[in-house]
PDB file of N, CA and C in Angstrom:
ATOM      1  N   MET A   1     -60.438 -22.059  28.084  1.00  0.00           N
ATOM      2  CA  MET A   1     -60.565 -21.306  26.848  1.00  0.00           C
ATOM      3  C   MET A   1     -61.641 -20.236  27.054  1.00  0.00           C
ATOM      4  N   ALA A   2     -61.428 -19.103  26.467  1.00  0.00           N
ATOM      5  CA  ALA A   2     -62.380 -18.006  26.577  1.00  0.00           C
ATOM      6  C   ALA A   2     -63.693 -18.369  25.877  1.00  0.00           C
ATOM      7  N   PRO A   3     -64.810 -17.941  26.446  1.00  0.00           N
ATOM      8  CA  PRO A   3     -66.109 -18.300  25.880  1.00  0.00           C
ATOM      9  C   PRO A   3     -66.304 -17.873  24.419  1.00  0.00           C
ATOM     10  N   LEU A   4     -65.828 -16.686  24.073  1.00  0.00           N
ATOM     11  CA  LEU A   4     -66.004 -16.228  22.697  1.00  0.00           C
ATOM     12  C   LEU A   4     -65.212 -17.092  21.718  1.00  0.00           C
ATOM     13  N   LEU A   5     -64.004 -17.463  22.090  1.00  0.00           N
ATOM     14  CA  LEU A   5     -63.206 -18.336  21.222  1.00  0.00           C
ATOM     15  C   LEU A   5     -63.859 -19.706  21.113  1.00  0.00           C
ATOM     16  N   GLU A   6     -64.380 -20.198  22.229  1.00  0.00           N
ATOM     17  CA  GLU A   6     -65.082 -21.480  22.210  1.00  0.00           C
ATOM     18  C   GLU A   6     -66.259 -21.434  21.242  1.00  0.00           C
ATOM     19  N   LYS A   7     -67.015 -20.344  21.284  1.00  0.00           N
ATOM     20  CA  LYS A   7     -68.162 -20.188  20.387  1.00  0.00           C
ATOM     21  C   LYS A   7     -67.708 -20.136  18.930  1.00  0.00           C
ATOM     22  N   ALA A   8     -66.654 -19.379  18.672  1.00  0.00           N
ATOM     23  CA  ALA A   8     -66.134 -19.264  17.305  1.00  0.00           C
ATOM     24  C   ALA A   8     -65.671 -20.621  16.791  1.00  0.00           C
ATOM     25  N   LEU A   9     -64.969 -21.368  17.629  1.00  0.00           N
ATOM     26  CA  LEU A   9     -64.483 -22.682  17.199  1.00  0.00           C
ATOM     27  C   LEU A   9     -65.630 -23.658  16.979  1.00  0.00           C
ATOM     28  N   ALA A  10     -66.688 -23.526  17.753  1.00  0.00           N
ATOM     29  CA  ALA A  10     -67.863 -24.374  17.535  1.00  0.00           C
ATOM     30  C   ALA A  10     -68.484 -24.072  16.173  1.00  0.00           C
ATOM     31  N   GLU A  11     -68.505 -22.798  15.803  1.00  0.00           N
ATOM     32  CA  GLU A  11     -69.025 -22.415  14.484  1.00  0.00           C
ATOM     33  C   GLU A  11     -68.117 -22.940  13.368  1.00  0.00           C
ATOM     34  N   VAL A  12     -66.830 -22.830  13.569  1.00  0.00           N
ATOM     35  CA  VAL A  12     -65.872 -23.322  12.573  1.00  0.00           C
ATOM     36  C   VAL A  12     -66.035 -24.825  12.388  1.00  0.00           C
ATOM     37  N   ALA A  13     -66.300 -25.525  13.470  1.00  0.00           N
ATOM     38  CA  ALA A  13     -66.456 -26.986  13.407  1.00  0.00           C
ATOM     39  C   ALA A  13     -67.616 -27.399  12.508  1.00  0.00           C
ATOM     40  N   LEU A  14     -68.546 -26.497  12.254  1.00  0.00           N
ATOM     41  CA  LEU A  14     -69.691 -26.800  11.395  1.00  0.00           C
ATOM     42  C   LEU A  14     -69.368 -26.649   9.911  1.00  0.00           C
ATOM     43  N   LEU A  15     -68.247 -26.035   9.616  1.00  0.00           N
ATOM     44  CA  LEU A  15     -67.852 -25.783   8.227  1.00  0.00           C
ATOM     45  C   LEU A  15     -67.214 -27.031   7.608  1.00  0.00           C
ATOM     46  N   PRO A  16     -67.171 -27.075   6.277  1.00  0.00           N
ATOM     47  CA  PRO A  16     -66.465 -28.180   5.611  1.00  0.00           C
ATOM     48  C   PRO A  16     -64.982 -28.187   6.005  1.00  0.00           C
ATOM     49  N   THR A  17     -64.381 -29.349   5.938  1.00  0.00           N
ATOM     50  CA  THR A  17     -62.990 -29.539   6.356  1.00  0.00           C
ATOM     51  C   THR A  17     -62.039 -28.559   5.672  1.00  0.00           C
ATOM     52  N   GLN A  18     -62.220 -28.341   4.390  1.00  0.00           N
ATOM     53  CA  GLN A  18     -61.326 -27.438   3.651  1.00  0.00           C
ATOM     54  C   GLN A  18     -61.395 -26.018   4.232  1.00  0.00           C
ATOM     55  N   GLU A  19     -62.590 -25.564   4.571  1.00  0.00           N
ATOM     56  CA  GLU A  19     -62.731 -24.232   5.157  1.00  0.00           C
ATOM     57  C   GLU A  19     -62.167 -24.195   6.579  1.00  0.00           C
ATOM     58  N   GLN A  20     -62.350 -25.270   7.326  1.00  0.00           N
ATOM     59  CA  GLN A  20     -61.766 -25.352   8.664  1.00  0.00           C
ATOM     60  C   GLN A  20     -60.248 -25.246   8.583  1.00  0.00           C
ATOM     61  N   ASP A  21     -59.655 -25.968   7.635  1.00  0.00           N
ATOM     62  CA  ASP A  21     -58.203 -25.926   7.470  1.00  0.00           C
ATOM     63  C   ASP A  21     -57.728 -24.523   7.100  1.00  0.00           C
ATOM     64  N   ALA A  22     -58.482 -23.858   6.222  1.00  0.00           N
ATOM     65  CA  ALA A  22     -58.098 -22.503   5.807  1.00  0.00           C
ATOM     66  C   ALA A  22     -58.150 -21.553   7.003  1.00  0.00           C
ATOM     67  N   ILE A  23     -59.184 -21.641   7.801  1.00  0.00           N
ATOM     68  CA  ILE A  23     -59.307 -20.783   8.979  1.00  0.00           C
ATOM     69  C   ILE A  23     -58.219 -21.116   9.994  1.00  0.00           C
ATOM     70  N   GLY A  24     -57.947 -22.402  10.171  1.00  0.00           N
ATOM     71  CA  GLY A  24     -56.880 -22.809  11.088  1.00  0.00           C
ATOM     72  C   GLY A  24     -55.528 -22.275  10.651  1.00  0.00           C
ATOM     73  N   ALA A  25     -55.238 -22.389   9.354  1.00  0.00           N
ATOM     74  CA  ALA A  25     -53.962 -21.892   8.832  1.00  0.00           C
ATOM     75  C   ALA A  25     -53.863 -20.380   9.000  1.00  0.00           C
ATOM     76  N   TRP A  26     -54.972 -19.686   8.734  1.00  0.00           N
ATOM     77  CA  TRP A  26     -54.981 -18.226   8.894  1.00  0.00           C
ATOM     78  C   TRP A  26     -54.743 -17.837  10.349  1.00  0.00           C
ATOM     79  N   LEU A  27     -55.414 -18.517  11.257  1.00  0.00           N
ATOM     80  CA  LEU A  27     -55.281 -18.188  12.680  1.00  0.00           C
ATOM     81  C   LEU A  27     -53.859 -18.438  13.177  1.00  0.00           C
ATOM     82  N   ILE A  28     -53.284 -19.550  12.805  1.00  0.00           N
ATOM     83  CA  ILE A  28     -51.898 -19.854  13.194  1.00  0.00           C
ATOM     84  C   ILE A  28     -50.941 -18.805  12.631  1.00  0.00           C
ATOM     85  N   SER A  29     -51.180 -18.412  11.389  1.00  0.00           N
ATOM     86  CA  SER A  29     -50.332 -17.392  10.758  1.00  0.00           C
ATOM     87  C   SER A  29     -50.449 -16.054  11.490  1.00  0.00           C
ATOM     88  N   GLU A  30     -51.656 -15.674  11.880  1.00  0.00           N
ATOM     89  CA  GLU A  30     -51.867 -14.421  12.608  1.00  0.00           C
ATOM     90  C   GLU A  30     -51.168 -14.439  13.966  1.00  0.00           C
ATOM     91  N   ILE A  31     -51.268 -15.550  14.661  1.00  0.00           N
ATOM     92  CA  ILE A  31     -50.618 -15.669  15.970  1.00  0.00           C
ATOM     93  C   ILE A  31     -49.101 -15.568  15.812  1.00  0.00           C
ATOM     94  N   ALA A  32     -48.555 -16.250  14.808  1.00  0.00           N
ATOM     95  CA  ALA A  32     -47.112 -16.196  14.557  1.00  0.00           C
ATOM     96  C   ALA A  32     -46.692 -14.772  14.199  1.00  0.00           C
ATOM     97  N   SER A  33     -47.506 -14.094  13.397  1.00  0.00           N
ATOM     98  CA  SER A  33     -47.192 -12.723  13.006  1.00  0.00           C
ATOM     99  C   SER A  33     -47.185 -11.802  14.220  1.00  0.00           C
ATOM    100  N   ASP A  34     -48.158 -11.950  15.101  1.00  0.00           N
ATOM    101  CA  ASP A  34     -48.197 -11.141  16.320  1.00  0.00           C
ATOM    102  C   ASP A  34     -46.969 -11.386  17.189  1.00  0.00           C
ATOM    103  N   ARG A  35     -46.577 -12.632  17.295  1.00  0.00           N
ATOM    104  CA  ARG A  35     -45.386 -12.948  18.104  1.00  0.00           C
ATOM    105  C   ARG A  35     -44.141 -12.332  17.500  1.00  0.00           C
ATOM    106  N   ARG A  36     -44.013 -12.389  16.158  1.00  0.00           N
ATOM    107  CA  ARG A  36     -42.850 -11.770  15.490  1.00  0.00           C
ATOM    108  C   ARG A  36     -42.846 -10.266  15.719  1.00  0.00           C
ATOM    109  N   TRP A  37     -44.020  -9.631  15.585  1.00  0.00           N
ATOM    110  CA  TRP A  37     -44.117  -8.188  15.806  1.00  0.00           C
ATOM    111  C   TRP A  37     -43.707  -7.834  17.231  1.00  0.00           C
ATOM    112  N   ASP A  38     -44.211  -8.576  18.204  1.00  0.00           N
ATOM    113  CA  ASP A  38     -43.861  -8.321  19.602  1.00  0.00           C
ATOM    114  C   ASP A  38     -42.357  -8.435  19.816  1.00  0.00           C
ATOM    115  N   GLU A  39     -41.750  -9.454  19.221  1.00  0.00           N
ATOM    116  CA  GLU A  39     -40.306  -9.645  19.373  1.00  0.00           C
ATOM    117  C   GLU A  39     -39.530  -8.505  18.727  1.00  0.00           C
ATOM    118  N   LEU A  40     -39.915  -8.130  17.510  1.00  0.00           N
ATOM    119  CA  LEU A  40     -39.220  -7.045  16.821  1.00  0.00           C
ATOM    120  C   LEU A  40     -39.387  -5.721  17.558  1.00  0.00           C
ATOM    121  N   PHE A  41     -40.588  -5.468  18.062  1.00  0.00           N
ATOM    122  CA  PHE A  41     -40.824  -4.233  18.797  1.00  0.00           C
ATOM    123  C   PHE A  41     -39.976  -4.200  20.062  1.00  0.00           C
ATOM    124  N   THR A  42     -39.930  -5.306  20.781  1.00  0.00           N
ATOM    125  CA  THR A  42     -39.139  -5.376  22.010  1.00  0.00           C
ATOM    126  C   THR A  42     -37.661  -5.131  21.708  1.00  0.00           C
ATOM    127  N   ARG A  43     -37.159  -5.729  20.618  1.00  0.00           N
ATOM    128  CA  ARG A  43     -35.751  -5.529  20.264  1.00  0.00           C
ATOM    129  C   ARG A  43     -35.463  -4.103  19.816  1.00  0.00           C
ATOM    130  N   SER A  44     -36.497  -3.386  19.345  1.00  0.00           N
ATOM    131  CA  SER A  44     -36.270  -2.027  18.856  1.00  0.00           C
ATOM    132  C   SER A  44     -36.379  -0.978  19.961  1.00  0.00           C
ATOM    133  N   LEU A  45     -36.770  -1.369  21.159  1.00  0.00           N
ATOM    134  CA  LEU A  45     -36.958  -0.393  22.235  1.00  0.00           C
ATOM    135  C   LEU A  45     -35.732   0.478  22.503  1.00  0.00           C
ATOM    136  N   PRO A  46     -34.523  -0.076  22.574  1.00  0.00           N
ATOM    137  CA  PRO A  46     -33.362   0.803  22.797  1.00  0.00           C
ATOM    138  C   PRO A  46     -33.217   1.874  21.708  1.00  0.00           C
ATOM    139  N   THR A  47     -33.457   1.500  20.466  1.00  0.00           N
ATOM    140  CA  THR A  47     -33.366   2.464  19.372  1.00  0.00           C
ATOM    141  C   THR A  47     -34.473   3.501  19.478  1.00  0.00           C
ATOM    142  N   LEU A  48     -35.672   3.059  19.810  1.00  0.00           N
ATOM    143  CA  LEU A  48     -36.789   3.995  19.968  1.00  0.00           C
ATOM    144  C   LEU A  48     -36.532   4.980  21.107  1.00  0.00           C
ATOM    145  N   GLU A  49     -35.914   4.503  22.180  1.00  0.00           N
ATOM    146  CA  GLU A  49     -35.584   5.399  23.292  1.00  0.00           C
ATOM    147  C   GLU A  49     -34.584   6.466  22.853  1.00  0.00           C
ATOM    148  N   ILE A  50     -33.586   6.084  22.074  1.00  0.00           N
ATOM    149  CA  ILE A  50     -32.602   7.043  21.562  1.00  0.00           C
ATOM    150  C   ILE A  50     -33.290   8.080  20.683  1.00  0.00           C
ATOM    151  N   LEU A  51     -34.142   7.609  19.773  1.00  0.00           N
ATOM    152  CA  LEU A  51     -34.845   8.531  18.878  1.00  0.00           C
ATOM    153  C   LEU A  51     -35.758   9.472  19.662  1.00  0.00           C
ATOM    154  N   ALA A  52     -36.423   8.958  20.686  1.00  0.00           N
ATOM    155  CA  ALA A  52     -37.293   9.801  21.511  1.00  0.00           C
ATOM    156  C   ALA A  52     -36.470  10.859  22.239  1.00  0.00           C
ATOM    157  N   ASP A  53     -35.320  10.469  22.772  1.00  0.00           N
ATOM    158  CA  ASP A  53     -34.445  11.438  23.450  1.00  0.00           C
ATOM    159  C   ASP A  53     -33.979  12.522  22.486  1.00  0.00           C
ATOM    160  N   GLU A  54     -33.622  12.123  21.266  1.00  0.00           N
ATOM    161  CA  GLU A  54     -33.178  13.094  20.265  1.00  0.00           C
ATOM    162  C   GLU A  54     -34.314  14.051  19.900  1.00  0.00           C
ATOM    163  N   ALA A  55     -35.513  13.515  19.740  1.00  0.00           N
ATOM    164  CA  ALA A  55     -36.660  14.358  19.395  1.00  0.00           C
ATOM    165  C   ALA A  55     -36.959  15.343  20.523  1.00  0.00           C
ATOM    166  N   LEU A  56     -36.910  14.885  21.750  1.00  0.00           N
ATOM    167  CA  LEU A  56     -37.155  15.765  22.891  1.00  0.00           C
ATOM    168  C   LEU A  56     -36.086  16.851  22.977  1.00  0.00           C
ATOM    169  N   HIS A  57     -34.845  16.466  22.733  1.00  0.00           N
ATOM    170  CA  HIS A  57     -33.743  17.435  22.735  1.00  0.00           C
ATOM    171  C   HIS A  57     -33.976  18.493  21.654  1.00  0.00           C
ATOM    172  N   ASP A  58     -34.337  18.069  20.455  1.00  0.00           N
ATOM    173  CA  ASP A  58     -34.608  19.012  19.371  1.00  0.00           C
ATOM    174  C   ASP A  58     -35.780  19.929  19.728  1.00  0.00           C
ATOM    175  N   TYR A  59     -36.820  19.365  20.348  1.00  0.00           N
ATOM    176  CA  TYR A  59     -37.976  20.162  20.750  1.00  0.00           C
ATOM    177  C   TYR A  59     -37.565  21.238  21.753  1.00  0.00           C
ATOM    178  N   LYS A  60     -36.780  20.848  22.743  1.00  0.00           N
ATOM    179  CA  LYS A  60     -36.346  21.796  23.771  1.00  0.00           C
ATOM    180  C   LYS A  60     -35.461  22.889  23.197  1.00  0.00           C
ATOM    181  N   ARG A  61     -34.744  22.591  22.118  1.00  0.00           N
ATOM    182  CA  ARG A  61     -33.871  23.591  21.484  1.00  0.00           C
ATOM    183  C   ARG A  61     -34.626  24.433  20.459  1.00  0.00           C
ATOM    184  N   GLY A  62     -35.925  24.160  20.275  1.00  0.00           N
ATOM    185  CA  GLY A  62     -36.722  24.936  19.331  1.00  0.00           C
ATOM    186  C   GLY A  62     -36.498  24.549  17.883  1.00  0.00           C
ATOM    187  N   LEU A  63     -36.044  23.335  17.646  1.00  0.00           N
ATOM    188  CA  LEU A  63     -35.735  22.898  16.292  1.00  0.00           C
ATOM    189  C   LEU A  63     -36.876  22.128  15.629  1.00  0.00           C
ATOM    190  N   THR A  64     -38.038  22.129  16.257  1.00  0.00           N
ATOM    191  CA  THR A  64     -39.178  21.395  15.691  1.00  0.00           C
ATOM    192  C   THR A  64     -40.288  22.374  15.329  1.00  0.00           C
ATOM    193  N   THR A  65     -41.204  21.923  14.510  1.00  0.00           N
ATOM    194  CA  THR A  65     -42.376  22.720  14.166  1.00  0.00           C
ATOM    195  C   THR A  65     -43.617  21.901  14.493  1.00  0.00           C
ATOM    196  N   PRO A  66     -44.704  22.555  14.872  1.00  0.00           N
ATOM    197  CA  PRO A  66     -45.929  21.828  15.171  1.00  0.00           C
ATOM    198  C   PRO A  66     -46.444  21.094  13.932  1.00  0.00           C
ATOM    199  N   LEU A  67     -47.040  19.954  14.168  1.00  0.00           N
ATOM    200  CA  LEU A  67     -47.632  19.183  13.083  1.00  0.00           C
ATOM    201  C   LEU A  67     -48.963  19.820  12.699  1.00  0.00           C
ATOM    202  N   ASP A  68     -49.125  20.076  11.424  1.00  0.00           N
ATOM    203  CA  ASP A  68     -50.389  20.615  10.938  1.00  0.00           C
ATOM    204  C   ASP A  68     -51.029  19.549  10.052  1.00  0.00           C
ATOM    205  N   PRO A  69     -52.037  18.825  10.565  1.00  0.00           N
ATOM    206  CA  PRO A  69     -52.657  17.749   9.791  1.00  0.00           C
ATOM    207  C   PRO A  69     -53.301  18.234   8.499  1.00  0.00           C
ATOM    208  N   ALA A  70     -53.625  19.520   8.429  1.00  0.00           N
ATOM    209  CA  ALA A  70     -54.247  20.058   7.208  1.00  0.00           C
ATOM    210  C   ALA A  70     -53.263  20.140   6.051  1.00  0.00           C
ATOM    211  N   VAL A  71     -51.969  20.164   6.365  1.00  0.00           N
ATOM    212  CA  VAL A  71     -50.936  20.256   5.327  1.00  0.00           C
ATOM    213  C   VAL A  71     -50.471  18.853   5.004  1.00  0.00           C
ATOM    214  N   SER A  72     -50.552  18.500   3.739  1.00  0.00           N
ATOM    215  CA  SER A  72     -50.134  17.137   3.385  1.00  0.00           C
ATOM    216  C   SER A  72     -48.838  17.118   2.632  1.00  0.00           C
TER     217      SER A  72
END
């Protein structure tokens, strides 16, 4: 286990059980969310590649305009 995580878990162990459970539930939820995001992103790669190709094609044909962050 990484030293920083070990230190964090040692601190959590000092908390009341209810707070430990809340932190544990939050951490598990975050890990699950990251895994779902990674899976969804991986599945979207073919679509993202198509969109990138279309954008590059439009750029090469002069059909795009520069982004001006000052204009909202």
